[in-house]
N, C-alpha and C. Protein backbone atom coordinates (compact mmCIF):
# COMPACT_ATOMS: atom_id res chain seq x y z
N MET A 1 56.10 5.25 70.76
CA MET A 1 55.00 5.62 72.27
C MET A 1 54.25 6.93 72.07
N THR A 2 53.02 6.76 72.08
CA THR A 2 51.85 7.29 71.65
C THR A 2 51.54 7.88 73.00
N THR A 3 50.96 8.81 73.15
CA THR A 3 50.62 9.58 74.01
C THR A 3 49.22 10.63 73.46
N SER A 4 48.22 10.46 74.54
CA SER A 4 47.18 10.54 74.19
C SER A 4 47.02 12.10 75.78
N VAL A 5 45.95 13.08 75.09
CA VAL A 5 45.76 13.87 76.10
C VAL A 5 44.74 13.95 76.20
N GLU A 6 43.62 13.79 77.36
CA GLU A 6 42.11 14.11 77.38
C GLU A 6 41.55 15.65 77.38
N ASN A 7 40.67 15.59 76.36
CA ASN A 7 40.03 17.21 76.03
C ASN A 7 38.98 17.04 76.95
N PRO A 8 38.83 18.18 77.65
CA PRO A 8 37.98 17.99 79.45
C PRO A 8 36.44 18.58 78.14
N ILE A 9 36.32 18.47 77.47
CA ILE A 9 35.20 19.16 76.58
C ILE A 9 34.40 18.20 76.50
N ILE A 10 35.25 16.87 75.49
CA ILE A 10 34.78 15.54 74.88
C ILE A 10 34.82 13.68 76.17
N SER A 11 35.38 15.03 77.22
CA SER A 11 35.22 13.53 78.59
C SER A 11 34.01 13.12 78.32
N ASP A 12 34.10 11.89 79.17
CA ASP A 12 32.75 11.52 79.26
C ASP A 12 32.60 12.07 80.76
N ARG A 13 33.84 12.06 81.40
CA ARG A 13 33.89 12.95 83.13
C ARG A 13 33.72 14.03 83.25
N HIS A 14 33.33 14.93 82.02
CA HIS A 14 33.08 16.03 82.59
C HIS A 14 32.22 16.94 83.27
N PRO A 15 32.17 17.16 84.39
CA PRO A 15 31.63 17.47 85.72
C PRO A 15 30.00 17.91 84.73
N ILE A 16 29.74 18.56 83.81
CA ILE A 16 28.29 19.31 83.13
C ILE A 16 28.02 17.67 82.64
N ARG A 17 28.57 17.02 82.01
CA ARG A 17 27.75 15.70 81.72
C ARG A 17 27.81 14.82 82.93
N ASP A 18 28.20 14.85 83.78
CA ASP A 18 28.45 14.57 85.41
C ASP A 18 28.10 14.57 86.17
N ARG A 19 26.59 15.28 86.02
CA ARG A 19 26.02 16.14 87.46
C ARG A 19 26.36 15.50 88.71
N GLU A 20 26.70 14.44 88.62
CA GLU A 20 26.16 13.34 90.55
C GLU A 20 27.73 13.62 90.59
N SER A 21 28.89 14.56 90.12
CA SER A 21 30.27 14.67 91.09
C SER A 21 30.51 15.89 91.12
N VAL A 22 29.67 16.58 90.92
CA VAL A 22 29.45 17.80 91.17
C VAL A 22 28.77 18.14 91.80
N PHE A 23 28.60 18.86 93.30
CA PHE A 23 28.23 18.92 94.90
C PHE A 23 27.60 20.33 94.45
N LEU A 24 26.15 20.01 94.64
CA LEU A 24 25.05 20.98 94.55
C LEU A 24 24.46 21.44 96.13
N ARG A 25 24.42 22.74 96.36
CA ARG A 25 24.73 23.39 97.79
C ARG A 25 22.84 23.74 97.75
N VAL A 26 22.25 23.28 99.05
CA VAL A 26 20.88 23.31 99.08
C VAL A 26 21.02 24.96 100.37
N VAL A 27 20.03 25.76 99.03
CA VAL A 27 20.07 27.18 100.07
C VAL A 27 18.66 27.26 100.87
N GLY A 28 17.29 26.61 100.07
CA GLY A 28 16.55 26.20 101.19
C GLY A 28 15.56 25.47 100.50
N TYR A 29 14.09 25.64 101.08
CA TYR A 29 13.40 24.93 100.48
C TYR A 29 11.60 25.71 99.65
N CYS A 30 12.01 25.34 99.19
CA CYS A 30 10.26 25.72 98.65
C CYS A 30 8.99 25.47 99.14
N THR A 31 8.46 26.96 99.39
CA THR A 31 7.49 27.34 100.20
C THR A 31 6.09 26.27 99.51
N GLY A 32 5.55 26.16 97.98
CA GLY A 32 5.41 25.72 97.17
C GLY A 32 5.37 24.20 97.50
N CYS A 33 6.21 23.49 97.03
CA CYS A 33 6.26 22.26 96.87
C CYS A 33 6.95 21.05 98.03
N GLY A 34 8.14 22.55 99.05
CA GLY A 34 8.34 21.69 100.18
C GLY A 34 10.05 20.95 99.66
N GLU A 35 10.64 21.23 98.47
CA GLU A 35 11.36 20.31 97.57
C GLU A 35 12.92 21.20 97.96
N GLU A 36 13.57 20.80 97.70
CA GLU A 36 14.83 21.10 98.55
C GLU A 36 15.49 22.49 96.48
N ILE A 37 15.80 23.19 97.26
CA ILE A 37 16.39 24.71 96.78
C ILE A 37 16.98 24.75 96.29
N TYR A 38 18.20 24.23 95.52
CA TYR A 38 19.86 24.01 94.87
C TYR A 38 20.41 25.83 94.41
N GLU A 39 21.49 25.52 95.06
CA GLU A 39 21.87 27.25 94.46
C GLU A 39 22.18 27.39 93.04
N GLY A 40 22.09 27.98 92.52
CA GLY A 40 21.73 28.42 91.07
C GLY A 40 20.25 27.79 90.58
N ASP A 41 19.66 27.63 90.84
CA ASP A 41 18.05 27.71 90.47
C ASP A 41 17.73 27.87 90.22
N ASP A 42 16.36 28.55 89.78
CA ASP A 42 15.71 29.82 89.39
C ASP A 42 14.35 29.55 90.32
N ILE A 43 14.31 30.80 91.16
CA ILE A 43 13.38 30.71 91.92
C ILE A 43 12.45 32.58 91.63
N ILE A 44 11.47 32.11 92.75
CA ILE A 44 10.51 33.44 93.26
C ILE A 44 10.42 33.87 94.44
N GLU A 45 10.40 35.13 94.96
CA GLU A 45 10.62 35.26 96.09
C GLU A 45 9.71 36.34 96.60
N ILE A 46 9.49 35.75 97.16
CA ILE A 46 7.64 36.70 97.87
C ILE A 46 7.79 36.35 99.12
N ALA A 47 8.46 37.63 99.94
CA ALA A 47 7.90 37.86 101.26
C ALA A 47 8.58 37.38 101.93
N GLY A 48 9.99 37.00 101.94
CA GLY A 48 11.00 36.11 102.34
C GLY A 48 10.80 35.07 101.52
N GLU A 49 9.86 34.32 101.13
CA GLU A 49 9.58 32.51 101.12
C GLU A 49 10.38 32.81 99.91
N MET A 50 11.30 31.64 99.55
CA MET A 50 11.57 30.50 98.66
C MET A 50 10.37 29.66 97.23
N ILE A 51 10.53 30.00 96.49
CA ILE A 51 9.23 29.22 95.68
C ILE A 51 10.24 29.12 94.20
N HIS A 52 10.12 28.03 93.63
CA HIS A 52 10.62 27.24 92.47
C HIS A 52 9.66 27.96 91.63
N GLU A 53 10.74 28.72 90.05
CA GLU A 53 9.67 29.06 89.12
C GLU A 53 9.43 28.37 88.11
N SER A 54 8.13 27.81 89.18
CA SER A 54 7.28 26.84 88.00
C SER A 54 5.62 26.58 88.41
N ARG A 55 5.23 26.95 87.39
CA ARG A 55 3.42 26.53 87.95
C ARG A 55 3.22 26.50 88.96
N GLU A 56 3.79 25.04 89.41
CA GLU A 56 3.01 24.35 89.89
C GLU A 56 2.97 24.63 91.53
N CYS A 57 4.57 25.27 91.56
CA CYS A 57 4.94 25.26 92.82
C CYS A 57 4.13 26.93 92.86
N ALA A 58 4.31 28.13 92.04
CA ALA A 58 3.25 28.93 92.30
C ALA A 58 1.63 28.62 92.87
N PHE A 59 1.28 27.47 92.40
CA PHE A 59 -0.06 27.63 92.38
C PHE A 59 -0.17 27.19 93.98
N ASP A 60 0.61 25.40 94.02
CA ASP A 60 0.53 25.57 95.73
C ASP A 60 0.69 26.30 96.73
N TYR A 61 1.58 27.42 96.25
CA TYR A 61 2.00 28.57 97.40
C TYR A 61 0.53 28.83 97.26
N CYS A 62 0.46 29.48 96.49
CA CYS A 62 -1.34 30.59 96.67
C CYS A 62 -2.09 29.51 97.31
N ALA A 63 -2.37 28.38 97.03
CA ALA A 63 -3.51 27.66 97.33
C ALA A 63 -3.31 27.76 99.07
N GLU A 64 -2.00 27.70 99.30
CA GLU A 64 -1.46 27.68 100.72
C GLU A 64 -2.01 28.84 101.68
N ILE A 65 -1.45 30.02 101.33
CA ILE A 65 -1.63 31.32 101.44
C ILE A 65 -3.04 31.69 101.78
N GLY A 66 -3.90 31.11 100.27
CA GLY A 66 -4.81 31.84 100.36
C GLY A 66 -6.03 31.81 100.57
N PHE A 67 -7.41 31.91 100.31
CA PHE A 67 -8.27 31.28 101.61
C PHE A 67 -9.47 30.98 99.48
N ALA A 68 -10.26 29.77 99.53
CA ALA A 68 -10.41 29.63 98.25
C ALA A 68 -12.18 30.23 98.30
N LYS A 69 -12.82 30.90 97.55
CA LYS A 69 -13.58 31.59 96.98
C LYS A 69 -14.20 31.26 96.07
N THR A 70 -15.35 32.08 95.81
CA THR A 70 -16.52 32.16 94.46
C THR A 70 -16.51 33.32 94.12
N ALA A 71 -16.19 34.07 93.43
CA ALA A 71 -16.30 35.69 92.70
C ALA A 71 -17.75 36.11 92.65
N GLY A 72 -17.95 37.28 93.23
CA GLY A 72 -19.22 38.22 93.38
C GLY A 72 -19.72 37.24 94.90
N GLU A 73 -19.57 35.99 95.14
CA GLU A 73 -19.61 36.03 96.70
C GLU A 73 -19.98 36.99 97.63
């Protein structure tokens, strides 16, 4: 009789490989893009607001709170 033991590091059912089986907790919403921010995501916190650590979200956030002007006018 042969008994095999599944190595969890190389298993196809390992949680790292199967992200859908891992429950990701939503901790807030990005003020830049409006998408969910999950526990463990890299964020930037400004004035109590959370935004994803990406250029697109930072630009959207700045465009939302700032005013468009021409420099020197």
